[in-house]
C-alpha atoms as a PDB file:
ATOM      1  CA  UNK A   1     126.380  63.067 112.154  1.00  0.00           C
ATOM      2  CA  UNK A   2     123.009  61.670 111.105  1.00  0.00           C
ATOM      3  CA  UNK A   3     121.308  64.712 112.674  1.00  0.00           C
ATOM      4  CA  UNK A   4     123.409  67.122 110.594  1.00  0.00           C
ATOM      5  CA  UNK A   5     122.688  65.166 107.423  1.00  0.00           C
ATOM      6  CA  UNK A   6     118.960  65.343 108.128  1.00  0.00           C
ATOM      7  CA  UNK A   7     119.163  69.141 108.556  1.00  0.00           C
ATOM      8  CA  UNK A   8     120.930  69.448 105.205  1.00  0.00           C
ATOM      9  CA  UNK A   9     118.295  67.251 103.564  1.00  0.00           C
ATOM     10  CA  UNK A  10     115.512  69.361 105.058  1.00  0.00           C
ATOM     11  CA  UNK A  11     117.181  72.548 103.858  1.00  0.00           C
ATOM     12  CA  UNK A  12     117.487  71.247 100.326  1.00  0.00           C
ATOM     13  CA  UNK A  13     113.857  70.147 100.452  1.00  0.00           C
ATOM     14  CA  UNK A  14     112.774  73.653 101.487  1.00  0.00           C
ATOM     15  CA  UNK A  15     114.799  75.187  98.641  1.00  0.00           C
ATOM     16  CA  UNK A  16     113.043  72.954  96.120  1.00  0.00           C
ATOM     17  CA  UNK A  17     109.554  73.406  97.583  1.00  0.00           C
ATOM     18  CA  UNK A  18     109.705  77.213  98.242  1.00  0.00           C
ATOM     19  CA  UNK A  19     107.779  76.687 101.497  1.00  0.00           C
ATOM     20  CA  UNK A  20     108.259  79.548 104.019  1.00  0.00           C
ATOM     21  CA  UNK A  21     110.635  78.684 106.854  1.00  0.00           C
ATOM     22  CA  UNK A  22     110.239  79.941 110.462  1.00  0.00           C
ATOM     23  CA  UNK A  23     112.512  82.880 111.250  1.00  0.00           C
ATOM     24  CA  UNK A  24     114.399  81.268 114.156  1.00  0.00           C
ATOM     25  CA  UNK A  25     114.716  77.755 112.777  1.00  0.00           C
ATOM     26  CA  UNK A  26     118.084  76.112 112.190  1.00  0.00           C
ATOM     27  CA  UNK A  27     116.947  75.297 108.677  1.00  0.00           C
ATOM     28  CA  UNK A  28     116.420  78.968 107.867  1.00  0.00           C
ATOM     29  CA  UNK A  29     119.887  79.841 109.134  1.00  0.00           C
ATOM     30  CA  UNK A  30     121.354  77.080 106.994  1.00  0.00           C
ATOM     31  CA  UNK A  31     119.418  78.338 103.982  1.00  0.00           C
ATOM     32  CA  UNK A  32     120.965  81.760 104.452  1.00  0.00           C
ATOM     33  CA  UNK A  33     124.405  80.180 104.577  1.00  0.00           C
ATOM     34  CA  UNK A  34     123.739  78.162 101.434  1.00  0.00           C
ATOM     35  CA  UNK A  35     122.325  81.158  99.622  1.00  0.00           C
ATOM     36  CA  UNK A  36     125.214  83.502 100.342  1.00  0.00           C
ATOM     37  CA  UNK A  37     128.215  81.213 100.839  1.00  0.00           C
ATOM     38  CA  UNK A  38     129.312  81.938  97.262  1.00  0.00           C
ATOM     39  CA  UNK A  39     128.379  85.629  97.446  1.00  0.00           C
ATOM     40  CA  UNK A  40     129.431  86.838 100.885  1.00  0.00           C
ATOM     41  CA  UNK A  41     130.054  90.389  99.720  1.00  0.00           C
ATOM     42  CA  UNK A  42     126.496  91.548 100.463  1.00  0.00           C
ATOM     43  CA  UNK A  43     124.816  93.609 103.168  1.00  0.00           C
ATOM     44  CA  UNK A  44     122.035  91.384 104.491  1.00  0.00           C
ATOM     45  CA  UNK A  45     119.115  92.718 106.537  1.00  0.00           C
ATOM     46  CA  UNK A  46     116.950  89.959 108.012  1.00  0.00           C
ATOM     47  CA  UNK A  47     113.879  91.736 109.387  1.00  0.00           C
ATOM     48  CA  UNK A  48     110.523  91.129 110.995  1.00  0.00           C
ATOM     49  CA  UNK A  49     107.801  92.942 109.094  1.00  0.00           C
ATOM     50  CA  UNK A  50     105.888  93.825 112.279  1.00  0.00           C
ATOM     51  CA  UNK A  51     108.933  95.580 113.762  1.00  0.00           C
ATOM     52  CA  UNK A  52     110.717  96.608 110.586  1.00  0.00           C
ATOM     53  CA  UNK A  53     111.863 100.014 111.871  1.00  0.00           C
ATOM     54  CA  UNK A  54     113.314  98.720 115.142  1.00  0.00           C
ATOM     55  CA  UNK A  55     115.021  95.763 113.436  1.00  0.00           C
ATOM     56  CA  UNK A  56     116.459  97.998 110.717  1.00  0.00           C
ATOM     57  CA  UNK A  57     117.902 100.470 113.221  1.00  0.00           C
ATOM     58  CA  UNK A  58     119.365  97.652 115.305  1.00  0.00           C
ATOM     59  CA  UNK A  59     121.075  95.960 112.361  1.00  0.00           C
ATOM     60  CA  UNK A  60     122.309  99.236 110.851  1.00  0.00           C
ATOM     61  CA  UNK A  61     123.830 100.172 114.208  1.00  0.00           C
ATOM     62  CA  UNK A  62     125.654  96.820 114.384  1.00  0.00           C
ATOM     63  CA  UNK A  63     126.997  97.060 110.825  1.00  0.00           C
ATOM     64  CA  UNK A  64     130.346  98.487 109.767  1.00  0.00           C
ATOM     65  CA  UNK A  65     130.561 101.556 107.557  1.00  0.00           C
ATOM     66  CA  UNK A  66     132.000  99.410 104.767  1.00  0.00           C
ATOM     67  CA  UNK A  67     128.878  97.219 104.807  1.00  0.00           C
ATOM     68  CA  UNK A  68     126.730 100.106 103.595  1.00  0.00           C
ATOM     69  CA  UNK A  69     128.465 100.062 100.209  1.00  0.00           C
ATOM     70  CA  UNK A  70     127.880  96.359  99.634  1.00  0.00           C
ATOM     71  CA  UNK A  71     124.946  95.099  97.512  1.00  0.00           C
ATOM     72  CA  UNK A  72     121.862  95.258  99.726  1.00  0.00           C
ATOM     73  CA  UNK A  73     119.814  92.109 100.325  1.00  0.00           C
ATOM     74  CA  UNK A  74     116.627  92.174 102.438  1.00  0.00           C
ATOM     75  CA  UNK A  75     114.666  89.265 103.899  1.00  0.00           C
ATOM     76  CA  UNK A  76     111.396  89.443 105.822  1.00  0.00           C
ATOM     77  CA  UNK A  77     110.258  86.906 108.411  1.00  0.00           C
ATOM     78  CA  UNK A  78     109.103  83.511 107.226  1.00  0.00           C
ATOM     79  CA  UNK A  79     110.186  84.232 103.677  1.00  0.00           C
ATOM     80  CA  UNK A  80     113.161  82.751 101.852  1.00  0.00           C
ATOM     81  CA  UNK A  81     113.078  84.918  98.754  1.00  0.00           C
ATOM     82  CA  UNK A  82     114.561  88.391  98.809  1.00  0.00           C
ATOM     83  CA  UNK A  83     112.359  91.447  99.199  1.00  0.00           C
ATOM     84  CA  UNK A  84     112.522  94.040  96.444  1.00  0.00           C
ATOM     85  CA  UNK A  85     114.713  96.862  97.718  1.00  0.00           C
ATOM     86  CA  UNK A  86     112.158  99.514  96.766  1.00  0.00           C
ATOM     87  CA  UNK A  87     109.498  97.683  98.798  1.00  0.00           C
ATOM     88  CA  UNK A  88     111.806  97.615 101.815  1.00  0.00           C
ATOM     89  CA  UNK A  89     112.572 101.326 101.586  1.00  0.00           C
ATOM     90  CA  UNK A  90     108.897 102.160 101.097  1.00  0.00           C
ATOM     91  CA  UNK A  91     107.877 100.265 104.228  1.00  0.00           C
ATOM     92  CA  UNK A  92     110.690 101.439 106.495  1.00  0.00           C
ATOM     93  CA  UNK A  93     110.319 105.116 105.514  1.00  0.00           C
ATOM     94  CA  UNK A  94     106.540 104.854 105.838  1.00  0.00           C
ATOM     95  CA  UNK A  95     107.023 103.826 109.475  1.00  0.00           C
ATOM     96  CA  UNK A  96     109.838 106.297 110.000  1.00  0.00           C
ATOM     97  CA  UNK A  97     108.082 109.415 108.697  1.00  0.00           C
ATOM     98  CA  UNK A  98     105.048 108.984 110.901  1.00  0.00           C
ATOM     99  CA  UNK A  99     103.764 110.425 114.143  1.00  0.00           C
ATOM    100  CA  UNK A 100     104.160 107.014 115.779  1.00  0.00           C
ATOM    101  CA  UNK A 101     107.947 107.067 115.382  1.00  0.00           C
ATOM    102  CA  UNK A 102     108.113 110.201 117.544  1.00  0.00           C
ATOM    103  CA  UNK A 103     111.076 111.533 115.563  1.00  0.00           C
ATOM    104  CA  UNK A 104     109.281 114.214 113.588  1.00  0.00           C
ATOM    105  CA  UNK A 105     106.702 116.945 113.983  1.00  0.00           C
ATOM    106  CA  UNK A 106     104.259 117.949 111.252  1.00  0.00           C
ATOM    107  CA  UNK A 107     102.627 121.120 110.019  1.00  0.00           C
ATOM    108  CA  UNK A 108      98.907 121.711 110.480  1.00  0.00           C
ATOM    109  CA  UNK A 109      97.988 120.077 107.170  1.00  0.00           C
ATOM    110  CA  UNK A 110     100.367 117.150 107.894  1.00  0.00           C
ATOM    111  CA  UNK A 111     101.969 117.558 104.474  1.00  0.00           C
ATOM    112  CA  UNK A 112     105.424 118.592 105.716  1.00  0.00           C
ATOM    113  CA  UNK A 113     107.668 117.147 108.429  1.00  0.00           C
ATOM    114  CA  UNK A 114     110.455 118.536 110.576  1.00  0.00           C
ATOM    115  CA  UNK A 115     112.683 117.150 113.305  1.00  0.00           C
ATOM    116  CA  UNK A 116     110.948 116.959 116.657  1.00  0.00           C
ATOM    117  CA  UNK A 117     112.469 118.913 119.525  1.00  0.00           C
ATOM    118  CA  UNK A 118     110.826 116.744 122.185  1.00  0.00           C
ATOM    119  CA  UNK A 119     113.444 113.958 122.196  1.00  0.00           C
ATOM    120  CA  UNK A 120     116.853 114.850 123.597  1.00  0.00           C
ATOM    121  CA  UNK A 121     118.124 111.408 124.677  1.00  0.00           C
ATOM    122  CA  UNK A 122     121.275 109.858 123.248  1.00  0.00           C
ATOM    123  CA  UNK A 123     119.213 106.980 121.891  1.00  0.00           C
ATOM    124  CA  UNK A 124     117.180 109.419 119.806  1.00  0.00           C
ATOM    125  CA  UNK A 125     120.345 111.060 118.512  1.00  0.00           C
ATOM    126  CA  UNK A 126     121.494 107.636 117.302  1.00  0.00           C
ATOM    127  CA  UNK A 127     118.180 107.115 115.568  1.00  0.00           C
ATOM    128  CA  UNK A 128     118.525 110.399 113.691  1.00  0.00           C
ATOM    129  CA  UNK A 129     122.019 109.374 112.607  1.00  0.00           C
ATOM    130  CA  UNK A 130     120.667 106.037 111.367  1.00  0.00           C
ATOM    131  CA  UNK A 131     117.896 107.915 109.562  1.00  0.00           C
ATOM    132  CA  UNK A 132     120.669 109.633 107.623  1.00  0.00           C
ATOM    133  CA  UNK A 133     122.284 106.264 106.941  1.00  0.00           C
ATOM    134  CA  UNK A 134     118.963 104.980 105.570  1.00  0.00           C
ATOM    135  CA  UNK A 135     118.679 107.986 103.254  1.00  0.00           C
ATOM    136  CA  UNK A 136     122.190 107.298 101.994  1.00  0.00           C
ATOM    137  CA  UNK A 137     121.409 103.613 101.489  1.00  0.00           C
ATOM    138  CA  UNK A 138     118.331 104.467  99.436  1.00  0.00           C
ATOM    139  CA  UNK A 139     120.307 106.798  97.176  1.00  0.00           C
ATOM    140  CA  UNK A 140     123.197 104.334  96.889  1.00  0.00           C
ATOM    141  CA  UNK A 141     120.771 101.583  95.867  1.00  0.00           C
ATOM    142  CA  UNK A 142     119.033 103.863  93.358  1.00  0.00           C
ATOM    143  CA  UNK A 143     115.683 103.850  95.153  1.00  0.00           C
ATOM    144  CA  UNK A 144     113.460 106.928  95.159  1.00  0.00           C
ATOM    145  CA  UNK A 145     111.994 107.707  98.590  1.00  0.00           C
ATOM    146  CA  UNK A 146     109.405 110.232  99.699  1.00  0.00           C
ATOM    147  CA  UNK A 147     110.748 112.683 102.272  1.00  0.00           C
ATOM    148  CA  UNK A 148     108.116 115.348 103.058  1.00  0.00           C
ATOM    149  CA  UNK A 149     110.568 118.002 104.231  1.00  0.00           C
ATOM    150  CA  UNK A 150     110.323 121.690 103.347  1.00  0.00           C
ATOM    151  CA  UNK A 151     112.827 123.431 101.109  1.00  0.00           C
ATOM    152  CA  UNK A 152     114.688 124.830 104.113  1.00  0.00           C
ATOM    153  CA  UNK A 153     116.202 121.414 104.888  1.00  0.00           C
ATOM    154  CA  UNK A 154     118.030 121.392 101.571  1.00  0.00           C
ATOM    155  CA  UNK A 155     119.052 125.024 102.124  1.00  0.00           C
ATOM    156  CA  UNK A 156     120.676 124.036 105.401  1.00  0.00           C
ATOM    157  CA  UNK A 157     122.444 121.099 103.739  1.00  0.00           C
ATOM    158  CA  UNK A 158     123.856 123.506 101.162  1.00  0.00           C
ATOM    159  CA  UNK A 159     124.780 126.166 103.713  1.00  0.00           C
ATOM    160  CA  UNK A 160     122.151 128.624 102.441  1.00  0.00           C
ATOM    161  CA  UNK A 161     120.683 130.938 105.075  1.00  0.00           C
ATOM    162  CA  UNK A 162     116.969 130.244 105.781  1.00  0.00           C
ATOM    163  CA  UNK A 163     114.438 133.045 105.377  1.00  0.00           C
ATOM    164  CA  UNK A 164     111.116 133.989 106.916  1.00  0.00           C
ATOM    165  CA  UNK A 165     109.435 132.576 103.796  1.00  0.00           C
ATOM    166  CA  UNK A 166     110.785 129.144 104.778  1.00  0.00           C
ATOM    167  CA  UNK A 167     109.075 129.393 108.159  1.00  0.00           C
ATOM    168  CA  UNK A 168     105.842 130.455 106.451  1.00  0.00           C
ATOM    169  CA  UNK A 169     106.037 127.390 104.211  1.00  0.00           C
ATOM    170  CA  UNK A 170     106.091 125.053 107.203  1.00  0.00           C
ATOM    171  CA  UNK A 171     104.059 126.978 109.771  1.00  0.00           C
ATOM    172  CA  UNK A 172     101.945 129.641 108.111  1.00  0.00           C
ATOM    173  CA  UNK A 173     100.417 131.096 111.282  1.00  0.00           C
ATOM    174  CA  UNK A 174     103.739 131.569 113.108  1.00  0.00           C
ATOM    175  CA  UNK A 175     105.579 132.804 110.028  1.00  0.00           C
ATOM    176  CA  UNK A 176     102.925 135.302 108.980  1.00  0.00           C
ATOM    177  CA  UNK A 177     102.559 136.646 112.521  1.00  0.00           C
ATOM    178  CA  UNK A 178     106.295 137.388 112.598  1.00  0.00           C
ATOM    179  CA  UNK A 179     106.059 138.949 109.150  1.00  0.00           C
ATOM    180  CA  UNK A 180     103.180 141.119 110.346  1.00  0.00           C
ATOM    181  CA  UNK A 181     105.290 142.333 113.280  1.00  0.00           C
ATOM    182  CA  UNK A 182     108.141 143.236 110.939  1.00  0.00           C
ATOM    183  CA  UNK A 183     106.122 145.005 108.259  1.00  0.00           C
ATOM    184  CA  UNK A 184     102.835 146.240 109.696  1.00  0.00           C
ATOM    185  CA  UNK A 185     103.173 146.921 113.415  1.00  0.00           C
ATOM    186  CA  UNK A 186     103.723 150.548 114.303  1.00  0.00           C
ATOM    187  CA  UNK A 187     106.432 151.439 116.784  1.00  0.00           C
ATOM    188  CA  UNK A 188     103.971 152.625 119.411  1.00  0.00           C
ATOM    189  CA  UNK A 189     102.011 149.363 119.122  1.00  0.00           C
ATOM    190  CA  UNK A 190     105.105 147.283 119.822  1.00  0.00           C
ATOM    191  CA  UNK A 191     105.959 149.298 122.912  1.00  0.00           C
ATOM    192  CA  UNK A 192     102.481 148.686 124.338  1.00  0.00           C
ATOM    193  CA  UNK A 193     102.250 144.973 123.589  1.00  0.00           C
ATOM    194  CA  UNK A 194     105.057 143.772 125.913  1.00  0.00           C
ATOM    195  CA  UNK A 195     105.943 141.126 123.327  1.00  0.00           C
ATOM    196  CA  UNK A 196     108.918 138.828 123.959  1.00  0.00           C
ATOM    197  CA  UNK A 197     111.397 137.208 121.543  1.00  0.00           C
ATOM    198  CA  UNK A 198     109.727 133.796 121.765  1.00  0.00           C
ATOM    199  CA  UNK A 199     107.394 131.557 119.791  1.00  0.00           C
ATOM    200  CA  UNK A 200     105.490 128.369 120.465  1.00  0.00           C
ATOM    201  CA  UNK A 201     107.176 125.543 118.555  1.00  0.00           C
ATOM    202  CA  UNK A 202     106.366 121.842 118.757  1.00  0.00           C
ATOM    203  CA  UNK A 203     104.256 122.459 121.841  1.00  0.00           C
ATOM    204  CA  UNK A 204     106.958 124.404 123.702  1.00  0.00           C
ATOM    205  CA  UNK A 205     107.792 128.090 124.196  1.00  0.00           C
ATOM    206  CA  UNK A 206     111.143 128.733 122.492  1.00  0.00           C
ATOM    207  CA  UNK A 207     113.342 131.779 123.114  1.00  0.00           C
ATOM    208  CA  UNK A 208     114.521 133.189 119.792  1.00  0.00           C
ATOM    209  CA  UNK A 209     117.450 134.810 121.600  1.00  0.00           C
ATOM    210  CA  UNK A 210     118.645 132.229 124.171  1.00  0.00           C
ATOM    211  CA  UNK A 211     121.320 134.596 125.487  1.00  0.00           C
ATOM    212  CA  UNK A 212     118.662 137.156 126.407  1.00  0.00           C
ATOM    213  CA  UNK A 213     115.541 135.289 127.526  1.00  0.00           C
ATOM    214  CA  UNK A 214     112.391 137.344 128.010  1.00  0.00           C
ATOM    215  CA  UNK A 215     113.812 140.168 125.882  1.00  0.00           C
ATOM    216  CA  UNK A 216     111.100 142.558 124.796  1.00  0.00           C
ATOM    217  CA  UNK A 217     110.502 143.301 121.122  1.00  0.00           C
ATOM    218  CA  UNK A 218     110.966 146.947 120.253  1.00  0.00           C
ATOM    219  CA  UNK A 219     110.972 148.993 117.065  1.00  0.00           C
ATOM    220  CA  UNK A 220     114.783 149.050 117.219  1.00  0.00           C
ATOM    221  CA  UNK A 221     115.461 145.319 117.615  1.00  0.00           C
ATOM    222  CA  UNK A 222     112.650 143.727 115.617  1.00  0.00           C
END
């Protein structure tokens, strides 16, 4: 009994002093209880700054769908006070939209991003789903985030058919080479080139017609 009383006293002392509390301490856990016992209808993310992306994905995956609509509260390690939501979203999306995350590929100027085709595992699929959850959370919490995607992403969301101009926007060399084939190559040139329906994308050769791999480009089918 005396031990529990001492923990409560220490917790109250920390509240009054505003001294950072270690992440895994019993006092910190008690502080969280005290802070939210009268406001349990919140979605709390308790994260380590050094591994913010991994912690965020883990806690989003463990949450219920109904939690996403609750008021968002974010805590970073060794801090009692809440983190501003916009600061949280800035940091997590900064780590997410980066080459280190391995989830996205980038154009030559590294100004636009697209979904990487190199990761096919189920774990990666879950991460892309949670990326969508994060985007929804940002919008729901009225936080503006920077997503360096080309216009074609929003076309696909709206069911609008992409065009060759969209490919040119993201990958100028590939897009313009295809445009050159369509508009400038003469029929005789195509017959002599032995060109296949494939392009190099994200470091891999991709068949543009998977049902007919190694199909030659002709004046009739271009």
